[in-house]
Amino acid sequence: QGQLLAKSWSSLFEGQSGAALQGPIYSFNGRDILTDPLWPRRLAWHGSMPRGGHARRWDCQGWRSSGVAEGMATALGEGRLLAGHRHNCSTP
């Protein structure tokens, strides 16, 4: 919706001052995921290591609802998009 999320592409990944996402982030159906109760965890799922490489064991690829796999995700308010932590792939 024409709003600035970060000052540069690299600031999303390097934790520079512009990396803290500001303003609303909208889902495809127009909900602000930072405030809407439909999004209780507010995670960005990415399956990457902090330097951007593929976290092969933690990407939820091939996960099924009966599985117990973990994937890398970052809380959107954390300020570094790839500063992820492992979360159960079943997390809504």
N, C-alpha and C. Protein backbone atom coordinates (compact mmCIF):
# COMPACT_ATOMS: atom_id res chain seq x y z
N GLN A 1 0.82 -1.19 0.00
CA GLN A 1 0.00 0.00 0.00
C GLN A 1 0.86 1.25 0.00
N GLY A 2 2.03 1.15 -0.62
CA GLY A 2 2.88 2.31 -0.82
C GLY A 2 3.63 2.79 0.41
N GLN A 3 3.74 1.97 1.45
CA GLN A 3 4.43 2.40 2.67
C GLN A 3 5.84 1.83 2.73
N LEU A 4 6.76 2.62 3.26
CA LEU A 4 8.15 2.22 3.39
C LEU A 4 8.31 1.25 4.56
N LEU A 5 8.81 0.04 4.29
CA LEU A 5 9.05 -0.94 5.34
C LEU A 5 10.47 -0.89 5.87
N ALA A 6 11.43 -0.53 5.04
CA ALA A 6 12.83 -0.44 5.45
C ALA A 6 13.54 0.54 4.51
N LYS A 7 14.65 1.10 4.98
CA LYS A 7 15.37 2.09 4.19
C LYS A 7 16.07 1.47 2.98
N SER A 8 16.47 0.21 3.10
CA SER A 8 17.12 -0.46 1.97
C SER A 8 16.92 -1.97 2.10
N TRP A 9 17.16 -2.68 0.99
CA TRP A 9 17.05 -4.13 0.99
C TRP A 9 18.03 -4.73 2.00
N SER A 10 19.25 -4.27 2.01
CA SER A 10 20.25 -4.84 2.92
C SER A 10 19.93 -4.54 4.38
N SER A 11 19.26 -3.44 4.67
CA SER A 11 18.94 -3.12 6.06
C SER A 11 17.97 -4.14 6.67
N LEU A 12 17.20 -4.81 5.84
CA LEU A 12 16.31 -5.86 6.35
C LEU A 12 17.11 -7.01 6.96
N PHE A 13 18.28 -7.26 6.41
CA PHE A 13 19.05 -8.42 6.80
C PHE A 13 20.24 -8.11 7.70
N GLU A 14 20.73 -6.91 7.70
CA GLU A 14 21.94 -6.58 8.44
C GLU A 14 21.69 -5.91 9.78
N GLY A 15 20.44 -5.61 10.11
CA GLY A 15 20.15 -5.01 11.40
C GLY A 15 20.54 -3.56 11.52
N GLN A 16 20.64 -2.85 10.40
CA GLN A 16 20.95 -1.43 10.44
C GLN A 16 19.77 -0.68 11.03
N SER A 17 19.92 0.60 11.24
CA SER A 17 18.86 1.38 11.90
C SER A 17 17.53 1.32 11.16
N GLY A 18 17.55 1.13 9.86
CA GLY A 18 16.30 1.06 9.10
C GLY A 18 15.65 -0.30 9.13
N ALA A 19 16.26 -1.28 9.79
CA ALA A 19 15.75 -2.64 9.74
C ALA A 19 14.52 -2.86 10.59
N ALA A 20 14.28 -2.01 11.56
CA ALA A 20 13.08 -2.17 12.38
C ALA A 20 11.88 -1.79 11.51
N LEU A 21 11.07 -2.77 11.19
CA LEU A 21 9.93 -2.51 10.33
C LEU A 21 8.97 -1.56 11.03
N GLN A 22 8.58 -0.54 10.32
CA GLN A 22 7.71 0.47 10.90
C GLN A 22 6.43 0.55 10.10
N GLY A 23 5.35 0.86 10.79
CA GLY A 23 4.07 0.98 10.12
C GLY A 23 3.43 -0.37 9.93
N PRO A 24 2.26 -0.40 9.37
CA PRO A 24 1.53 -1.65 9.20
C PRO A 24 2.14 -2.53 8.12
N ILE A 25 1.94 -3.83 8.29
CA ILE A 25 2.29 -4.82 7.28
C ILE A 25 1.00 -5.56 6.98
N TYR A 26 0.57 -5.54 5.73
CA TYR A 26 -0.74 -6.07 5.38
C TYR A 26 -0.65 -7.48 4.82
N SER A 27 -1.62 -8.30 5.22
CA SER A 27 -1.77 -9.62 4.63
C SER A 27 -2.42 -9.44 3.25
N PHE A 28 -2.53 -10.52 2.51
CA PHE A 28 -3.12 -10.43 1.18
C PHE A 28 -4.59 -10.03 1.24
N ASN A 29 -5.25 -10.27 2.37
CA ASN A 29 -6.66 -9.86 2.48
C ASN A 29 -6.82 -8.51 3.16
N GLY A 30 -5.73 -7.73 3.29
CA GLY A 30 -5.81 -6.37 3.78
C GLY A 30 -5.77 -6.19 5.29
N ARG A 31 -5.48 -7.24 6.05
CA ARG A 31 -5.41 -7.11 7.50
C ARG A 31 -3.99 -6.68 7.91
N ASP A 32 -3.91 -5.82 8.90
CA ASP A 32 -2.62 -5.40 9.45
C ASP A 32 -2.15 -6.49 10.40
N ILE A 33 -1.16 -7.26 10.00
CA ILE A 33 -0.75 -8.42 10.80
C ILE A 33 -0.06 -8.03 12.11
N LEU A 34 0.36 -6.78 12.25
CA LEU A 34 0.99 -6.36 13.50
C LEU A 34 -0.03 -6.05 14.59
N THR A 35 -1.29 -5.86 14.22
CA THR A 35 -2.31 -5.52 15.22
C THR A 35 -3.51 -6.46 15.20
N ASP A 36 -3.74 -7.18 14.12
CA ASP A 36 -4.91 -8.01 14.00
C ASP A 36 -4.79 -9.27 14.87
N PRO A 37 -5.81 -9.59 15.67
CA PRO A 37 -5.74 -10.77 16.54
C PRO A 37 -5.69 -12.09 15.77
N LEU A 38 -5.99 -12.06 14.49
CA LEU A 38 -5.88 -13.27 13.66
C LEU A 38 -4.43 -13.74 13.57
N TRP A 39 -3.47 -12.84 13.82
CA TRP A 39 -2.04 -13.13 13.72
C TRP A 39 -1.40 -13.05 15.12
N PRO A 40 -1.60 -14.02 15.99
CA PRO A 40 -1.11 -13.91 17.38
C PRO A 40 0.40 -13.97 17.51
N ARG A 41 1.12 -14.68 16.63
CA ARG A 41 2.57 -14.85 16.80
C ARG A 41 3.40 -13.80 16.08
N ARG A 42 2.94 -13.26 14.99
CA ARG A 42 3.62 -12.22 14.21
C ARG A 42 5.05 -12.61 13.83
N LEU A 43 5.15 -13.74 13.17
CA LEU A 43 6.45 -14.26 12.76
C LEU A 43 6.62 -14.14 11.25
N ALA A 44 7.85 -13.91 10.83
CA ALA A 44 8.22 -13.98 9.42
C ALA A 44 8.96 -15.30 9.23
N TRP A 45 8.33 -16.24 8.56
CA TRP A 45 8.94 -17.55 8.32
C TRP A 45 9.85 -17.45 7.11
N HIS A 46 11.11 -17.86 7.24
CA HIS A 46 12.05 -17.68 6.13
C HIS A 46 12.94 -18.88 5.86
N GLY A 47 13.19 -19.76 6.80
CA GLY A 47 14.02 -20.95 6.55
C GLY A 47 15.45 -20.62 6.22
N SER A 48 15.97 -19.51 6.74
CA SER A 48 17.34 -19.07 6.43
C SER A 48 18.17 -18.93 7.69
N MET A 49 19.47 -19.02 7.51
CA MET A 49 20.41 -18.77 8.59
C MET A 49 20.62 -17.25 8.68
N PRO A 50 21.22 -16.74 9.76
CA PRO A 50 21.39 -15.28 9.92
C PRO A 50 22.12 -14.59 8.77
N ARG A 51 22.99 -15.28 8.06
CA ARG A 51 23.70 -14.65 6.93
C ARG A 51 22.99 -14.87 5.60
N GLY A 52 21.82 -15.49 5.64
CA GLY A 52 21.03 -15.63 4.42
C GLY A 52 21.07 -16.99 3.77
N GLY A 53 21.96 -17.88 4.23
CA GLY A 53 22.02 -19.22 3.65
C GLY A 53 20.81 -20.06 4.04
N HIS A 54 20.56 -21.06 3.25
CA HIS A 54 19.42 -21.94 3.47
C HIS A 54 19.64 -22.79 4.73
N ALA A 55 18.70 -22.75 5.65
CA ALA A 55 18.74 -23.58 6.86
C ALA A 55 18.09 -24.91 6.52
N ARG A 56 18.82 -25.80 5.89
CA ARG A 56 18.27 -27.03 5.33
C ARG A 56 17.46 -27.86 6.32
N ARG A 57 17.90 -27.94 7.53
CA ARG A 57 17.19 -28.75 8.52
C ARG A 57 16.00 -28.01 9.13
N TRP A 58 15.92 -26.71 8.92
CA TRP A 58 14.89 -25.91 9.59
C TRP A 58 14.17 -24.99 8.62
N ASP A 59 13.58 -25.58 7.59
CA ASP A 59 12.87 -24.73 6.62
C ASP A 59 11.40 -25.13 6.43
N CYS A 60 10.93 -26.11 7.17
CA CYS A 60 9.54 -26.60 7.10
C CYS A 60 9.17 -27.14 5.72
N GLN A 61 10.15 -27.27 4.83
CA GLN A 61 9.85 -27.82 3.51
C GLN A 61 9.49 -29.29 3.67
N GLY A 62 8.42 -29.69 3.09
CA GLY A 62 7.97 -31.06 3.17
C GLY A 62 7.22 -31.39 4.45
N TRP A 63 7.03 -30.40 5.32
CA TRP A 63 6.33 -30.62 6.58
C TRP A 63 4.87 -30.97 6.32
N ARG A 64 4.34 -31.87 7.14
CA ARG A 64 2.92 -32.21 7.10
C ARG A 64 2.34 -32.00 8.50
N SER A 65 1.07 -31.79 8.61
CA SER A 65 0.44 -31.46 9.88
C SER A 65 0.68 -32.50 10.97
N SER A 66 0.97 -33.72 10.59
CA SER A 66 1.24 -34.76 11.58
C SER A 66 2.70 -34.78 12.02
N GLY A 67 3.54 -33.92 11.42
CA GLY A 67 4.97 -33.91 11.72
C GLY A 67 5.34 -33.02 12.89
N VAL A 68 6.60 -33.13 13.30
CA VAL A 68 7.12 -32.33 14.41
C VAL A 68 8.33 -31.51 13.98
N ALA A 69 8.41 -31.15 12.71
CA ALA A 69 9.55 -30.41 12.19
C ALA A 69 9.60 -28.99 12.75
N GLU A 70 10.80 -28.41 12.69
CA GLU A 70 11.00 -27.02 13.10
C GLU A 70 11.50 -26.21 11.92
N GLY A 71 11.14 -24.93 11.92
CA GLY A 71 11.57 -24.02 10.87
C GLY A 71 12.07 -22.72 11.48
N MET A 72 12.88 -21.99 10.71
CA MET A 72 13.42 -20.72 11.17
C MET A 72 12.42 -19.60 10.88
N ALA A 73 12.16 -18.81 11.93
CA ALA A 73 11.24 -17.67 11.82
C ALA A 73 11.73 -16.58 12.76
N THR A 74 11.35 -15.36 12.46
CA THR A 74 11.75 -14.21 13.26
C THR A 74 10.52 -13.40 13.64
N ALA A 75 10.48 -12.96 14.88
CA ALA A 75 9.42 -12.05 15.29
C ALA A 75 9.58 -10.75 14.52
N LEU A 76 8.50 -10.24 13.95
CA LEU A 76 8.59 -9.05 13.11
C LEU A 76 9.09 -7.82 13.85
N GLY A 77 8.91 -7.72 15.15
CA GLY A 77 9.38 -6.57 15.90
C GLY A 77 10.82 -6.68 16.35
N GLU A 78 11.51 -7.74 15.97
CA GLU A 78 12.87 -7.99 16.44
C GLU A 78 13.91 -7.07 15.80
N GLY A 79 13.66 -6.61 14.58
CA GLY A 79 14.57 -5.66 13.95
C GLY A 79 15.55 -6.25 12.96
N ARG A 80 15.81 -7.53 13.02
CA ARG A 80 16.66 -8.19 12.03
C ARG A 80 15.88 -9.35 11.46
N LEU A 81 15.53 -9.25 10.21
CA LEU A 81 14.64 -10.23 9.60
C LEU A 81 15.20 -11.65 9.67
N LEU A 82 16.50 -11.83 9.49
CA LEU A 82 17.05 -13.18 9.48
C LEU A 82 17.63 -13.61 10.83
N ALA A 83 17.38 -12.85 11.88
CA ALA A 83 17.84 -13.26 13.22
C ALA A 83 16.84 -14.26 13.78
N GLY A 84 16.68 -15.35 13.08
CA GLY A 84 15.62 -16.29 13.40
C GLY A 84 15.91 -17.23 14.54
N HIS A 85 14.84 -17.84 14.97
CA HIS A 85 14.87 -18.88 15.98
C HIS A 85 14.03 -20.02 15.45
N ARG A 86 14.30 -21.23 15.92
CA ARG A 86 13.53 -22.38 15.49
C ARG A 86 12.17 -22.38 16.16
N HIS A 87 11.16 -22.63 15.35
CA HIS A 87 9.78 -22.73 15.82
C HIS A 87 9.17 -23.99 15.21
N ASN A 88 8.27 -24.61 15.94
CA ASN A 88 7.58 -25.77 15.45
C ASN A 88 6.81 -25.38 14.18
N CYS A 89 6.94 -26.17 13.14
CA CYS A 89 6.27 -25.85 11.87
C CYS A 89 4.75 -25.88 12.01
N SER A 90 4.22 -26.44 13.08
CA SER A 90 2.79 -26.45 13.32
C SER A 90 2.29 -25.15 13.92
N THR A 91 3.20 -24.24 14.28
CA THR A 91 2.79 -22.98 14.89
C THR A 91 1.93 -22.18 13.93
N PRO A 92 0.74 -21.77 14.38
CA PRO A 92 -0.12 -20.99 13.46
C PRO A 92 0.44 -19.60 13.21
